[in-house]
Amino acid sequence: MSYPLLILLCVGLLHQTVRAVIMDKLADNKICGEAECSYVLSMATALDDFIAPDCRFINIKKGQMVYVYSKLVPEEGAGVFWSGSVYGERYVDQMGIIGYFPATVVKETHKFTEVTVKIPTTGMDFYCV
């Protein structure tokens, strides 16, 4: 095998194409605990199952604990969505993954902060890999 062909083969194997999509925004603004939106606002318990309709959302099972990182400010006529991550024995593969879910499927059980800031959402808030 010639060296140029070998190099081309190695580069081809090392180069992986990642398809990423910026999905439609669910809201223009969100409520967070601070400007970076990296701290947990509250803890909630799932009241019902929720199956994610697309990659912006997370699956939630009834009784599961959810850490809430932000709350989208709903547009007129839109649903109320929060972002968070699930923890528990179900959906272990999704533990630590942050995604959206309807606020109506959870009940807040503990607020970690009362101080919040309203910041605009960006395309990265709705980015799917």
Foldseek 3Di string as FASTA:
>chain_A
DDPVVVVVVVVVVVDDDDDKDQDDDQAFKKKFQDDVLPDFFFKKFFCAWDDDPDQQADTDHHGWIWTFSIWGDGDVPGFTKTKTFTDDDPPPVRGPPIHIDGPVRIDTDTGPDPHIDMDTDDSVSRMGD
